[in-house]
Structures are given as C-alpha cells and as structure tokens.
Amino acid sequence: NKTYSKIDAKYKEEYVVYGDTLWSISEEELKYNKYFENKDIRKIVNEIKRINNLENLNLKEGQKLLIPTY
C-alpha cells in the first residue's frame, strides 16, 4: 500500500469556465484526481477555497485555481 502525505502534493492550474462552481469542480476532482480519493465533497470544496484564498464561493470566468494533485 502506498500512502501519500500532504508534502507529496503538487498543484495544477485550472481555469474557471462559464457555469463552473466550486461544487462542480470538486465533483470532477473527486472522480478523476487521486489526491481527493475517498474524501467528502464538502472537504474538497473547502480545501480548494482555502488553497486559493477565496473569501466566498463565487467564481469568475477565466479565474485561475490551483488544485492539489499527485
């Protein structure tokens, strides 16, 4: 079994497109990003919000988000 620590995380850049929400982005990350495997979607939303220093859940089209990944 391989375990990952937070230290192993890298970041990818994602750009917000029309209609994206933190929830929809988090759903995609839950499906396809091993970093978020088996995590509660609310924790993913909060982690993305925290990493990107977002004051609220509002996103702007073209906004760059950093998403943790392995």
N, C-alpha and C. Protein backbone atom coordinates (compact mmCIF):
# COMPACT_ATOMS: atom_id res chain seq x y z
N ASN A 1 0.83 -1.19 0.00
CA ASN A 1 0.00 0.00 0.00
C ASN A 1 0.87 1.25 0.00
N LYS A 2 0.55 2.16 -0.88
CA LYS A 2 1.27 3.43 -0.93
C LYS A 2 0.42 4.49 -0.27
N THR A 3 1.01 5.23 0.62
CA THR A 3 0.29 6.33 1.25
C THR A 3 0.90 7.64 0.79
N TYR A 4 0.07 8.65 0.76
CA TYR A 4 0.52 9.97 0.33
C TYR A 4 0.43 10.93 1.50
N SER A 5 1.40 11.80 1.58
CA SER A 5 1.33 12.85 2.58
C SER A 5 1.06 14.17 1.87
N LYS A 6 0.68 15.16 2.61
CA LYS A 6 0.42 16.48 2.02
C LYS A 6 1.68 17.03 1.35
N ILE A 7 2.85 16.63 1.83
CA ILE A 7 4.12 17.11 1.28
C ILE A 7 4.28 16.66 -0.17
N ASP A 8 3.72 15.52 -0.54
CA ASP A 8 3.85 14.98 -1.89
C ASP A 8 2.96 15.71 -2.90
N ALA A 9 2.06 16.54 -2.43
CA ALA A 9 1.10 17.19 -3.32
C ALA A 9 1.79 18.21 -4.22
N LYS A 10 1.34 18.23 -5.46
CA LYS A 10 1.74 19.26 -6.41
C LYS A 10 0.45 19.98 -6.76
N TYR A 11 0.55 21.02 -7.55
CA TYR A 11 -0.63 21.76 -7.92
C TYR A 11 -0.74 21.88 -9.43
N LYS A 12 -1.97 21.76 -9.91
CA LYS A 12 -2.23 22.01 -11.32
C LYS A 12 -3.08 23.26 -11.41
N GLU A 13 -3.00 23.94 -12.54
CA GLU A 13 -3.79 25.14 -12.73
C GLU A 13 -5.03 24.80 -13.54
N GLU A 14 -6.15 25.25 -13.06
CA GLU A 14 -7.43 25.09 -13.76
C GLU A 14 -8.02 26.48 -13.93
N TYR A 15 -8.65 26.70 -15.07
CA TYR A 15 -9.29 27.99 -15.30
C TYR A 15 -10.79 27.82 -15.30
N VAL A 16 -11.46 28.71 -14.61
CA VAL A 16 -12.92 28.67 -14.47
C VAL A 16 -13.55 28.99 -15.83
N VAL A 17 -14.48 28.15 -16.23
CA VAL A 17 -15.25 28.41 -17.44
C VAL A 17 -16.69 28.72 -17.04
N TYR A 18 -17.43 29.32 -17.96
CA TYR A 18 -18.80 29.72 -17.69
C TYR A 18 -19.59 28.54 -17.13
N GLY A 19 -20.27 28.75 -16.02
CA GLY A 19 -21.10 27.71 -15.42
C GLY A 19 -20.41 26.91 -14.32
N ASP A 20 -19.09 27.04 -14.21
CA ASP A 20 -18.36 26.32 -13.16
C ASP A 20 -18.75 26.85 -11.78
N THR A 21 -18.82 25.95 -10.83
CA THR A 21 -18.96 26.30 -9.42
C THR A 21 -17.90 25.53 -8.65
N LEU A 22 -17.63 25.94 -7.45
CA LEU A 22 -16.67 25.17 -6.64
C LEU A 22 -17.18 23.74 -6.46
N TRP A 23 -18.49 23.59 -6.34
CA TRP A 23 -19.07 22.26 -6.16
C TRP A 23 -18.84 21.40 -7.41
N SER A 24 -19.10 21.96 -8.61
CA SER A 24 -18.94 21.17 -9.84
C SER A 24 -17.47 20.82 -10.09
N ILE A 25 -16.59 21.76 -9.80
CA ILE A 25 -15.15 21.49 -9.94
C ILE A 25 -14.74 20.40 -8.95
N SER A 26 -15.25 20.48 -7.73
CA SER A 26 -14.92 19.48 -6.71
C SER A 26 -15.43 18.09 -7.10
N GLU A 27 -16.62 18.03 -7.71
CA GLU A 27 -17.15 16.74 -8.17
C GLU A 27 -16.22 16.11 -9.20
N GLU A 28 -15.73 16.92 -10.15
CA GLU A 28 -14.80 16.42 -11.16
C GLU A 28 -13.51 15.93 -10.52
N GLU A 29 -13.00 16.70 -9.58
CA GLU A 29 -11.76 16.32 -8.91
C GLU A 29 -11.94 15.03 -8.11
N LEU A 30 -13.09 14.87 -7.48
CA LEU A 30 -13.37 13.65 -6.73
C LEU A 30 -13.33 12.43 -7.65
N LYS A 31 -13.85 12.60 -8.86
CA LYS A 31 -13.89 11.48 -9.82
C LYS A 31 -12.52 11.14 -10.39
N TYR A 32 -11.73 12.16 -10.72
CA TYR A 32 -10.54 11.93 -11.54
C TYR A 32 -9.20 12.25 -10.87
N ASN A 33 -9.21 12.82 -9.69
CA ASN A 33 -7.96 13.22 -9.04
C ASN A 33 -7.72 12.35 -7.81
N LYS A 34 -6.67 11.54 -7.88
CA LYS A 34 -6.37 10.61 -6.78
C LYS A 34 -6.13 11.33 -5.45
N TYR A 35 -5.69 12.57 -5.52
CA TYR A 35 -5.44 13.34 -4.29
C TYR A 35 -6.70 13.40 -3.42
N PHE A 36 -7.85 13.47 -4.07
CA PHE A 36 -9.11 13.62 -3.35
C PHE A 36 -9.87 12.31 -3.17
N GLU A 37 -9.24 11.20 -3.50
CA GLU A 37 -9.89 9.89 -3.43
C GLU A 37 -10.49 9.66 -2.04
N ASN A 38 -11.76 9.25 -2.02
CA ASN A 38 -12.48 8.91 -0.79
C ASN A 38 -12.68 10.08 0.18
N LYS A 39 -12.58 11.31 -0.31
CA LYS A 39 -12.83 12.47 0.55
C LYS A 39 -14.26 12.94 0.37
N ASP A 40 -14.79 13.53 1.40
CA ASP A 40 -16.12 14.13 1.35
C ASP A 40 -16.07 15.37 0.46
N ILE A 41 -17.06 15.51 -0.41
CA ILE A 41 -17.05 16.63 -1.37
C ILE A 41 -17.01 17.98 -0.68
N ARG A 42 -17.62 18.09 0.49
CA ARG A 42 -17.58 19.38 1.22
C ARG A 42 -16.17 19.73 1.65
N LYS A 43 -15.38 18.72 2.00
CA LYS A 43 -13.98 18.96 2.37
C LYS A 43 -13.17 19.40 1.16
N ILE A 44 -13.50 18.84 -0.01
CA ILE A 44 -12.81 19.22 -1.25
C ILE A 44 -13.11 20.69 -1.57
N VAL A 45 -14.39 21.06 -1.50
CA VAL A 45 -14.79 22.46 -1.75
C VAL A 45 -14.01 23.38 -0.82
N ASN A 46 -13.98 23.05 0.47
CA ASN A 46 -13.29 23.90 1.45
C ASN A 46 -11.79 23.95 1.21
N GLU A 47 -11.19 22.83 0.80
CA GLU A 47 -9.75 22.81 0.56
C GLU A 47 -9.39 23.67 -0.65
N ILE A 48 -10.15 23.55 -1.73
CA ILE A 48 -9.90 24.38 -2.91
C ILE A 48 -10.10 25.86 -2.57
N LYS A 49 -11.13 26.15 -1.80
CA LYS A 49 -11.40 27.52 -1.37
C LYS A 49 -10.23 28.06 -0.55
N ARG A 50 -9.74 27.26 0.39
CA ARG A 50 -8.63 27.68 1.27
C ARG A 50 -7.34 27.88 0.48
N ILE A 51 -6.99 26.93 -0.37
CA ILE A 51 -5.74 27.00 -1.14
C ILE A 51 -5.70 28.25 -2.02
N ASN A 52 -6.87 28.61 -2.54
CA ASN A 52 -6.94 29.75 -3.46
C ASN A 52 -7.34 31.05 -2.78
N ASN A 53 -7.36 31.04 -1.46
CA ASN A 53 -7.68 32.25 -0.67
C ASN A 53 -8.97 32.91 -1.13
N LEU A 54 -9.99 32.09 -1.36
CA LEU A 54 -11.28 32.62 -1.79
C LEU A 54 -12.08 33.04 -0.57
N GLU A 55 -12.63 34.24 -0.60
CA GLU A 55 -13.42 34.73 0.52
C GLU A 55 -14.82 34.14 0.54
N ASN A 56 -15.30 33.75 -0.65
CA ASN A 56 -16.64 33.17 -0.75
C ASN A 56 -16.65 32.12 -1.86
N LEU A 57 -17.81 31.65 -2.21
CA LEU A 57 -17.91 30.58 -3.22
C LEU A 57 -18.08 31.11 -4.64
N ASN A 58 -18.04 32.41 -4.81
CA ASN A 58 -18.23 32.99 -6.14
C ASN A 58 -16.97 32.87 -6.97
N LEU A 59 -17.12 32.38 -8.20
CA LEU A 59 -16.01 32.26 -9.13
C LEU A 59 -16.26 33.17 -10.32
N LYS A 60 -15.17 33.61 -10.96
CA LYS A 60 -15.29 34.44 -12.15
C LYS A 60 -14.74 33.67 -13.34
N GLU A 61 -15.41 33.79 -14.47
CA GLU A 61 -14.95 33.14 -15.69
C GLU A 61 -13.52 33.60 -15.98
N GLY A 62 -12.64 32.64 -16.28
CA GLY A 62 -11.24 32.94 -16.56
C GLY A 62 -10.35 32.94 -15.33
N GLN A 63 -10.94 32.85 -14.15
CA GLN A 63 -10.18 32.84 -12.90
C GLN A 63 -9.33 31.58 -12.83
N LYS A 64 -8.06 31.74 -12.38
CA LYS A 64 -7.16 30.60 -12.23
C LYS A 64 -7.30 30.02 -10.83
N LEU A 65 -7.44 28.70 -10.76
CA LEU A 65 -7.47 28.00 -9.48
C LEU A 65 -6.32 27.02 -9.41
N LEU A 66 -5.70 26.91 -8.26
CA LEU A 66 -4.71 25.88 -8.02
C LEU A 66 -5.41 24.70 -7.38
N ILE A 67 -5.20 23.51 -7.95
CA ILE A 67 -5.83 22.28 -7.47
C ILE A 67 -4.72 21.30 -7.08
N PRO A 68 -4.74 20.80 -5.84
CA PRO A 68 -3.72 19.83 -5.45
C PRO A 68 -3.87 18.52 -6.23
N THR A 69 -2.75 17.92 -6.53
CA THR A 69 -2.73 16.64 -7.24
C THR A 69 -1.46 15.90 -6.87
N TYR A 70 -1.35 14.65 -7.28
CA TYR A 70 -0.11 13.90 -7.04
C TYR A 70 0.67 13.81 -8.32
